[in-house]
Amino acid sequence: MPFKFKSPGWTVLLCLLVTLIDSKAAENPSPFSVATNQVLERTCFQTGKEWTPQGNLRSDVAIVYGIDTNLPARIATWREHGYRTHVMTGVAWGQYQDYLYGRFDGINHEDEAQMDRNGNKIGHGGDVYYMCPGTNYGKFLCVGVQRALDAGAEAIHLEEPEFWDRAGYSEGFKCEWKAYYHEDWLSPDSAVDARWRTTKLKYFLYRRAMQQVFDYVPDDTQRTGRHVR
C-alpha cells in the first residue's frame, strides 16, 4: 500500500532527501565489479581526461590518450574505478615540444615539421606540427611509452602516422632524402618519379619511427615480465 503524507511539507522534504541521495550516488559511484567477460575487452572508449562521473561509461576498457607526464595519474583514476587500461598516442603529432625544441636530446628539431612547397609548416594548432620523423623521433616516443608501461597500460596504440601529400619540402625531409637515396633532394612536383620517390620515403620514415617503438616494448616486457600488447 502506497505511503501517503497528509502534510505537503513532508512530501517536499522526502523528495528533497531522495534527490540528495541520488545526486551523491552519481558523484561517487562505487567501482563496478570486474565481469568475467571483461577480459574479452568488447567495449572501449578513448579519453584524454582522468575519471569523472560524467565519463563513467562502464566499458570494459578505457584508452587513455597522450603520453605526457600526468599520464600515470590519469591511468590510476580509471583503474581505481574498475577499468582495464590501454594507452593511445599520436605518431604524427602531439604535445611533443620537448622533442621539437631540443629539450629531449639537445638538438632542435623544428626543421622536422612537415612543410608544403610554399614554405608553410603543416600544423595541428599552435606549435603542434605534423612531423617528418628524424632518427631520434621514435626514441622520444619510447620515453612516453615507457611512462605508460610503468603505469600499468595493458596495450599501446600508435595513432595516425600521417604524412601529408602536400608535404616533402622541409629541411628535415631533404636531409632524410640525402641519407636514403644518396643524392640531392628532388622537389616532389618536379616529375612523376620524384613524386613516387617522395612517397616511398615518407612511408619509410614513419615505418622507422614506429619500428623503434615496436622493438622497445617487447624488450621491456622481456625484462620485466609484463604482458603488454
C-alpha atoms as a PDB file:
ATOM      1  CA  MET A   1       0.000   0.000   0.000  1.00  0.00           C
ATOM      2  CA  PRO A   2       1.496   3.411  -1.002  1.00  0.00           C
ATOM      3  CA  PHE A   3       2.678   5.597   1.856  1.00  0.00           C
ATOM      4  CA  LYS A   4       0.815   8.918   1.959  1.00  0.00           C
ATOM      5  CA  PHE A   5       1.601  12.157   3.764  1.00  0.00           C
ATOM      6  CA  LYS A   6      -1.170  14.453   4.842  1.00  0.00           C
ATOM      7  CA  SER A   7       1.210  17.432   5.064  1.00  0.00           C
ATOM      8  CA  PRO A   8       2.643  18.853   1.805  1.00  0.00           C
ATOM      9  CA  GLY A   9       5.737  19.835   3.759  1.00  0.00           C
ATOM     10  CA  TRP A  10       6.619  16.211   4.451  1.00  0.00           C
ATOM     11  CA  THR A  11       6.240  15.350   0.743  1.00  0.00           C
ATOM     12  CA  VAL A  12       8.620  18.148  -0.250  1.00  0.00           C
ATOM     13  CA  LEU A  13      11.149  17.059   2.402  1.00  0.00           C
ATOM     14  CA  LEU A  14      11.053  13.421   1.233  1.00  0.00           C
ATOM     15  CA  CYS A  15      11.569  14.461  -2.410  1.00  0.00           C
ATOM     16  CA  LEU A  16      14.492  16.626  -1.375  1.00  0.00           C
ATOM     17  CA  LEU A  17      16.145  13.771   0.532  1.00  0.00           C
ATOM     18  CA  VAL A  18      15.727  11.388  -2.432  1.00  0.00           C
ATOM     19  CA  THR A  19      17.246  13.972  -4.765  1.00  0.00           C
ATOM     20  CA  LEU A  20      20.235  14.498  -2.490  1.00  0.00           C
ATOM     21  CA  ILE A  21      20.841  10.756  -2.154  1.00  0.00           C
ATOM     22  CA  ASP A  22      20.637  10.236  -5.935  1.00  0.00           C
ATOM     23  CA  SER A  23      22.970  13.177  -6.519  1.00  0.00           C
ATOM     24  CA  LYS A  24      25.501  11.848  -4.022  1.00  0.00           C
ATOM     25  CA  ALA A  25      25.411   8.414  -5.609  1.00  0.00           C
ATOM     26  CA  ALA A  26      26.035   9.907  -9.055  1.00  0.00           C
ATOM     27  CA  GLU A  27      29.048  11.833  -7.768  1.00  0.00           C
ATOM     28  CA  ASN A  28      30.593   8.846  -6.032  1.00  0.00           C
ATOM     29  CA  PRO A  29      29.506   5.630  -7.721  1.00  0.00           C
ATOM     30  CA  SER A  30      31.212   2.565  -6.346  1.00  0.00           C
ATOM     31  CA  PRO A  31      33.733   0.872  -8.656  1.00  0.00           C
ATOM     32  CA  PHE A  32      31.845  -1.706 -10.654  1.00  0.00           C
ATOM     33  CA  SER A  33      32.953  -5.269 -10.210  1.00  0.00           C
ATOM     34  CA  VAL A  34      35.136  -6.843 -12.864  1.00  0.00           C
ATOM     35  CA  ALA A  35      32.915  -9.017 -15.010  1.00  0.00           C
ATOM     36  CA  THR A  36      34.213 -12.416 -16.036  1.00  0.00           C
ATOM     37  CA  ASN A  37      33.939 -11.423 -19.693  1.00  0.00           C
ATOM     38  CA  GLN A  38      35.697  -8.080 -19.236  1.00  0.00           C
ATOM     39  CA  VAL A  39      38.888  -9.820 -20.319  1.00  0.00           C
ATOM     40  CA  LEU A  40      37.352 -10.039 -23.793  1.00  0.00           C
ATOM     41  CA  GLU A  41      37.508  -6.235 -23.998  1.00  0.00           C
ATOM     42  CA  ARG A  42      34.330  -5.977 -26.048  1.00  0.00           C
ATOM     43  CA  THR A  43      33.767  -2.276 -25.488  1.00  0.00           C
ATOM     44  CA  CYS A  44      36.125   0.656 -25.103  1.00  0.00           C
ATOM     45  CA  PHE A  45      36.424   4.411 -25.469  1.00  0.00           C
ATOM     46  CA  GLN A  46      39.236   6.932 -25.748  1.00  0.00           C
ATOM     47  CA  THR A  47      39.773   9.845 -23.376  1.00  0.00           C
ATOM     48  CA  GLY A  48      42.495  12.339 -22.536  1.00  0.00           C
ATOM     49  CA  LYS A  49      40.964  13.043 -19.123  1.00  0.00           C
ATOM     50  CA  GLU A  50      41.023  11.444 -15.714  1.00  0.00           C
ATOM     51  CA  TRP A  51      37.988   9.510 -14.463  1.00  0.00           C
ATOM     52  CA  THR A  52      34.896  11.610 -13.779  1.00  0.00           C
ATOM     53  CA  PRO A  53      31.292  10.645 -13.048  1.00  0.00           C
ATOM     54  CA  GLN A  54      30.282  12.155 -16.382  1.00  0.00           C
ATOM     55  CA  GLY A  55      32.789   9.980 -18.238  1.00  0.00           C
ATOM     56  CA  ASN A  56      31.917   6.785 -16.401  1.00  0.00           C
ATOM     57  CA  LEU A  57      30.682   4.863 -19.466  1.00  0.00           C
ATOM     58  CA  ARG A  58      31.192   1.447 -17.845  1.00  0.00           C
ATOM     59  CA  SER A  59      33.013  -0.011 -20.840  1.00  0.00           C
ATOM     60  CA  ASP A  60      35.485  -2.834 -20.432  1.00  0.00           C
ATOM     61  CA  VAL A  61      38.456  -0.655 -21.421  1.00  0.00           C
ATOM     62  CA  ALA A  62      39.412   2.996 -21.077  1.00  0.00           C
ATOM     63  CA  ILE A  63      42.004   4.005 -23.689  1.00  0.00           C
ATOM     64  CA  VAL A  64      43.866   6.867 -22.040  1.00  0.00           C
ATOM     65  CA  TYR A  65      45.217   9.314 -24.623  1.00  0.00           C
ATOM     66  CA  GLY A  66      48.616  11.010 -24.575  1.00  0.00           C
ATOM     67  CA  ILE A  67      51.993  10.142 -23.057  1.00  0.00           C
ATOM     68  CA  ASP A  68      52.723  13.310 -21.087  1.00  0.00           C
ATOM     69  CA  THR A  69      53.976  13.418 -17.505  1.00  0.00           C
ATOM     70  CA  ASN A  70      50.494  13.281 -15.930  1.00  0.00           C
ATOM     71  CA  LEU A  71      49.636  10.035 -17.727  1.00  0.00           C
ATOM     72  CA  PRO A  72      50.261   7.757 -14.701  1.00  0.00           C
ATOM     73  CA  ALA A  73      47.862   9.775 -12.553  1.00  0.00           C
ATOM     74  CA  ARG A  74      45.172   9.653 -15.236  1.00  0.00           C
ATOM     75  CA  ILE A  75      45.560   5.911 -15.719  1.00  0.00           C
ATOM     76  CA  ALA A  76      45.301   5.338 -11.974  1.00  0.00           C
ATOM     77  CA  THR A  77      41.892   7.017 -11.763  1.00  0.00           C
ATOM     78  CA  TRP A  78      40.406   4.717 -14.406  1.00  0.00           C
ATOM     79  CA  ARG A  79      41.879   1.568 -12.911  1.00  0.00           C
ATOM     80  CA  GLU A  80      40.591   2.540  -9.466  1.00  0.00           C
ATOM     81  CA  HIS A  81      37.101   2.531 -10.938  1.00  0.00           C
ATOM     82  CA  GLY A  82      37.297  -0.933 -12.443  1.00  0.00           C
ATOM     83  CA  TYR A  83      38.544  -0.296 -15.969  1.00  0.00           C
ATOM     84  CA  ARG A  84      41.182  -2.147 -17.912  1.00  0.00           C
ATOM     85  CA  THR A  85      43.520   0.483 -19.302  1.00  0.00           C
ATOM     86  CA  HIS A  86      45.218   0.942 -22.669  1.00  0.00           C
ATOM     87  CA  VAL A  87      47.191   3.958 -23.879  1.00  0.00           C
ATOM     88  CA  MET A  88      46.966   5.679 -27.249  1.00  0.00           C
ATOM     89  CA  THR A  89      49.159   8.453 -28.573  1.00  0.00           C
ATOM     90  CA  GLY A  90      49.552  10.251 -31.856  1.00  0.00           C
ATOM     91  CA  VAL A  91      52.506   9.296 -34.022  1.00  0.00           C
ATOM     92  CA  ALA A  92      52.381  12.219 -36.448  1.00  0.00           C
ATOM     93  CA  TRP A  93      51.622  14.960 -33.923  1.00  0.00           C
ATOM     94  CA  GLY A  94      51.143  15.628 -30.238  1.00  0.00           C
ATOM     95  CA  GLN A  95      52.293  17.806 -27.371  1.00  0.00           C
ATOM     96  CA  TYR A  96      55.861  16.992 -28.291  1.00  0.00           C
ATOM     97  CA  GLN A  97      57.521  20.367 -27.734  1.00  0.00           C
ATOM     98  CA  ASP A  98      60.285  18.722 -25.686  1.00  0.00           C
ATOM     99  CA  TYR A  99      61.372  16.986 -28.881  1.00  0.00           C
ATOM    100  CA  LEU A 100      60.687  19.928 -31.180  1.00  0.00           C
ATOM    101  CA  TYR A 101      62.800  22.414 -29.231  1.00  0.00           C
ATOM    102  CA  GLY A 102      65.609  20.050 -28.257  1.00  0.00           C
ATOM    103  CA  ARG A 103      64.857  19.545 -24.591  1.00  0.00           C
ATOM    104  CA  PHE A 104      64.828  15.795 -25.223  1.00  0.00           C
ATOM    105  CA  ASP A 105      68.220  15.313 -26.883  1.00  0.00           C
ATOM    106  CA  GLY A 106      69.805  18.749 -27.110  1.00  0.00           C
ATOM    107  CA  ILE A 107      69.029  19.053 -30.829  1.00  0.00           C
ATOM    108  CA  ASN A 108      66.476  21.473 -32.241  1.00  0.00           C
ATOM    109  CA  HIS A 109      64.025  19.576 -34.454  1.00  0.00           C
ATOM    110  CA  GLU A 110      61.888  22.398 -35.806  1.00  0.00           C
ATOM    111  CA  ASP A 111      63.162  21.518 -39.287  1.00  0.00           C
ATOM    112  CA  GLU A 112      61.255  18.230 -38.967  1.00  0.00           C
ATOM    113  CA  ALA A 113      57.873  19.939 -39.072  1.00  0.00           C
ATOM    114  CA  GLN A 114      56.154  18.925 -42.310  1.00  0.00           C
ATOM    115  CA  MET A 115      56.195  21.746 -44.857  1.00  0.00           C
ATOM    116  CA  ASP A 116      54.452  22.482 -48.161  1.00  0.00           C
ATOM    117  CA  ARG A 117      56.073  23.926 -51.268  1.00  0.00           C
ATOM    118  CA  ASN A 118      55.201  27.481 -50.203  1.00  0.00           C
ATOM    119  CA  GLY A 119      57.241  27.129 -47.019  1.00  0.00           C
ATOM    120  CA  ASN A 120      54.225  26.763 -44.712  1.00  0.00           C
ATOM    121  CA  LYS A 121      54.551  24.378 -41.784  1.00  0.00           C
ATOM    122  CA  ILE A 122      51.675  21.927 -41.610  1.00  0.00           C
ATOM    123  CA  GLY A 123      50.308  22.041 -38.103  1.00  0.00           C
ATOM    124  CA  HIS A 124      47.565  20.897 -35.784  1.00  0.00           C
ATOM    125  CA  GLY A 125      47.293  24.225 -33.990  1.00  0.00           C
ATOM    126  CA  GLY A 126      49.918  26.407 -32.318  1.00  0.00           C
ATOM    127  CA  ASP A 127      53.326  24.783 -32.213  1.00  0.00           C
ATOM    128  CA  VAL A 128      51.904  21.281 -32.623  1.00  0.00           C
ATOM    129  CA  TYR A 129      53.105  20.182 -36.054  1.00  0.00           C
ATOM    130  CA  TYR A 130      52.779  17.112 -38.201  1.00  0.00           C
ATOM    131  CA  MET A 131      56.279  15.704 -38.030  1.00  0.00           C
ATOM    132  CA  CYS A 132      58.748  14.424 -40.588  1.00  0.00           C
ATOM    133  CA  PRO A 133      60.263  11.947 -38.121  1.00  0.00           C
ATOM    134  CA  GLY A 134      64.037  12.048 -37.791  1.00  0.00           C
ATOM    135  CA  THR A 135      66.220   9.304 -36.391  1.00  0.00           C
ATOM    136  CA  ASN A 136      65.531  10.260 -32.758  1.00  0.00           C
ATOM    137  CA  TYR A 137      61.778  10.753 -33.046  1.00  0.00           C
ATOM    138  CA  GLY A 138      60.866   7.136 -32.297  1.00  0.00           C
ATOM    139  CA  LYS A 139      63.260   7.192 -29.351  1.00  0.00           C
ATOM    140  CA  PHE A 140      61.400  10.204 -27.996  1.00  0.00           C
ATOM    141  CA  LEU A 141      58.081   8.366 -28.304  1.00  0.00           C
ATOM    142  CA  CYS A 142      59.606   5.449 -26.406  1.00  0.00           C
ATOM    143  CA  VAL A 143      60.157   7.679 -23.370  1.00  0.00           C
ATOM    144  CA  GLY A 144      56.422   8.368 -23.189  1.00  0.00           C
ATOM    145  CA  VAL A 145      55.578   4.744 -23.925  1.00  0.00           C
ATOM    146  CA  GLN A 146      57.805   3.713 -21.018  1.00  0.00           C
ATOM    147  CA  ARG A 147      55.748   6.021 -18.836  1.00  0.00           C
ATOM    148  CA  ALA A 148      52.639   4.142 -19.978  1.00  0.00           C
ATOM    149  CA  LEU A 149      54.224   0.739 -19.334  1.00  0.00           C
ATOM    150  CA  ASP A 150      55.318   1.705 -15.832  1.00  0.00           C
ATOM    151  CA  ALA A 151      51.802   2.950 -15.108  1.00  0.00           C
ATOM    152  CA  GLY A 152      50.348  -0.457 -15.988  1.00  0.00           C
ATOM    153  CA  ALA A 153      48.969   0.033 -19.501  1.00  0.00           C
ATOM    154  CA  GLU A 154      47.905  -3.303 -20.941  1.00  0.00           C
ATOM    155  CA  ALA A 155      48.201  -2.259 -24.594  1.00  0.00           C
ATOM    156  CA  ILE A 156      49.791   0.551 -26.609  1.00  0.00           C
ATOM    157  CA  HIS A 157      48.085   2.076 -29.653  1.00  0.00           C
ATOM    158  CA  LEU A 158      50.045   4.291 -32.048  1.00  0.00           C
ATOM    159  CA  GLU A 159      47.573   6.521 -33.819  1.00  0.00           C
ATOM    160  CA  GLU A 160      47.614   8.036 -37.306  1.00  0.00           C
ATOM    161  CA  PRO A 161      51.154   8.046 -38.757  1.00  0.00           C
ATOM    162  CA  GLU A 162      50.175  10.791 -41.189  1.00  0.00           C
ATOM    163  CA  PHE A 163      52.438  12.325 -43.800  1.00  0.00           C
ATOM    164  CA  TRP A 164      50.552  14.893 -45.855  1.00  0.00           C
ATOM    165  CA  ASP A 165      50.635  14.542 -49.629  1.00  0.00           C
ATOM    166  CA  ARG A 166      51.489  18.231 -49.984  1.00  0.00           C
ATOM    167  CA  ALA A 167      54.461  17.855 -47.637  1.00  0.00           C
ATOM    168  CA  GLY A 168      58.004  16.884 -48.528  1.00  0.00           C
ATOM    169  CA  TYR A 169      59.692  20.291 -48.673  1.00  0.00           C
ATOM    170  CA  SER A 170      61.144  20.751 -45.178  1.00  0.00           C
ATOM    171  CA  GLU A 171      64.852  20.819 -44.487  1.00  0.00           C
ATOM    172  CA  GLY A 172      64.429  17.715 -42.364  1.00  0.00           C
ATOM    173  CA  PHE A 173      62.891  15.843 -45.293  1.00  0.00           C
ATOM    174  CA  LYS A 174      65.662  16.995 -47.614  1.00  0.00           C
ATOM    175  CA  CYS A 175      68.277  15.629 -45.206  1.00  0.00           C
ATOM    176  CA  GLU A 176      66.457  12.314 -44.987  1.00  0.00           C
ATOM    177  CA  TRP A 177      66.289  12.185 -48.793  1.00  0.00           C
ATOM    178  CA  LYS A 178      70.062  12.589 -48.985  1.00  0.00           C
ATOM    179  CA  ALA A 179      70.619   9.845 -46.418  1.00  0.00           C
ATOM    180  CA  TYR A 180      68.159   7.428 -48.073  1.00  0.00           C
ATOM    181  CA  TYR A 181      68.847   7.977 -51.776  1.00  0.00           C
ATOM    182  CA  HIS A 182      72.457   9.214 -51.533  1.00  0.00           C
ATOM    183  CA  GLU A 183      71.734  12.134 -53.812  1.00  0.00           C
ATOM    184  CA  ASP A 184      70.379  15.658 -53.565  1.00  0.00           C
ATOM    185  CA  TRP A 185      66.678  16.209 -52.911  1.00  0.00           C
ATOM    186  CA  LEU A 186      64.226  16.478 -55.786  1.00  0.00           C
ATOM    187  CA  SER A 187      61.083  18.549 -55.459  1.00  0.00           C
ATOM    188  CA  PRO A 188      58.032  16.248 -55.336  1.00  0.00           C
ATOM    189  CA  ASP A 189      56.291  18.302 -58.036  1.00  0.00           C
ATOM    190  CA  SER A 190      59.249  18.183 -60.437  1.00  0.00           C
ATOM    191  CA  ALA A 191      58.468  14.804 -62.005  1.00  0.00           C
ATOM    192  CA  VAL A 192      56.346  11.694 -61.605  1.00  0.00           C
ATOM    193  CA  ASP A 193      59.384   9.716 -60.483  1.00  0.00           C
ATOM    194  CA  ALA A 194      60.215  12.361 -57.852  1.00  0.00           C
ATOM    195  CA  ARG A 195      56.657  12.135 -56.526  1.00  0.00           C
ATOM    196  CA  TRP A 196      56.884   8.354 -56.281  1.00  0.00           C
ATOM    197  CA  ARG A 197      60.251   8.504 -54.509  1.00  0.00           C
ATOM    198  CA  THR A 198      58.910  11.161 -52.119  1.00  0.00           C
ATOM    199  CA  THR A 199      56.006   8.914 -51.162  1.00  0.00           C
ATOM    200  CA  LYS A 200      58.287   5.921 -50.700  1.00  0.00           C
ATOM    201  CA  LEU A 201      60.499   7.927 -48.337  1.00  0.00           C
ATOM    202  CA  LYS A 202      57.513   9.188 -46.354  1.00  0.00           C
ATOM    203  CA  TYR A 203      56.466   5.602 -45.743  1.00  0.00           C
ATOM    204  CA  PHE A 204      59.998   4.629 -44.712  1.00  0.00           C
ATOM    205  CA  LEU A 205      60.333   7.456 -42.188  1.00  0.00           C
ATOM    206  CA  TYR A 206      57.167   6.594 -40.273  1.00  0.00           C
ATOM    207  CA  ARG A 207      57.833   2.890 -40.509  1.00  0.00           C
ATOM    208  CA  ARG A 208      61.266   3.518 -38.961  1.00  0.00           C
ATOM    209  CA  ALA A 209      59.858   5.612 -36.109  1.00  0.00           C
ATOM    210  CA  MET A 210      57.166   3.068 -35.318  1.00  0.00           C
ATOM    211  CA  GLN A 211      59.621   0.182 -35.517  1.00  0.00           C
ATOM    212  CA  GLN A 212      61.661   1.844 -32.783  1.00  0.00           C
ATOM    213  CA  VAL A 213      58.598   1.608 -30.542  1.00  0.00           C
ATOM    214  CA  PHE A 214      57.712  -1.901 -31.763  1.00  0.00           C
ATOM    215  CA  ASP A 215      61.185  -3.074 -30.775  1.00  0.00           C
ATOM    216  CA  TYR A 216      61.212  -1.208 -27.484  1.00  0.00           C
ATOM    217  CA  VAL A 217      58.014  -2.633 -25.981  1.00  0.00           C
ATOM    218  CA  PRO A 218      58.968  -6.336 -26.329  1.00  0.00           C
ATOM    219  CA  ASP A 219      62.376  -5.581 -24.830  1.00  0.00           C
ATOM    220  CA  ASP A 220      60.650  -4.028 -21.821  1.00  0.00           C
ATOM    221  CA  THR A 221      58.206  -6.906 -21.413  1.00  0.00           C
ATOM    222  CA  GLN A 222      61.038  -9.437 -21.611  1.00  0.00           C
ATOM    223  CA  ARG A 223      62.969  -7.535 -18.954  1.00  0.00           C
ATOM    224  CA  THR A 224      60.033  -7.002 -16.577  1.00  0.00           C
ATOM    225  CA  GLY A 225      57.762  -9.963 -17.290  1.00  0.00           C
ATOM    226  CA  ARG A 226      54.845  -7.670 -18.073  1.00  0.00           C
ATOM    227  CA  HIS A 227      52.351  -8.738 -20.720  1.00  0.00           C
ATOM    228  CA  VAL A 228      51.684  -5.765 -22.979  1.00  0.00           C
ATOM    229  CA  ARG A 229      50.175  -5.747 -26.438  1.00  0.00           C
END
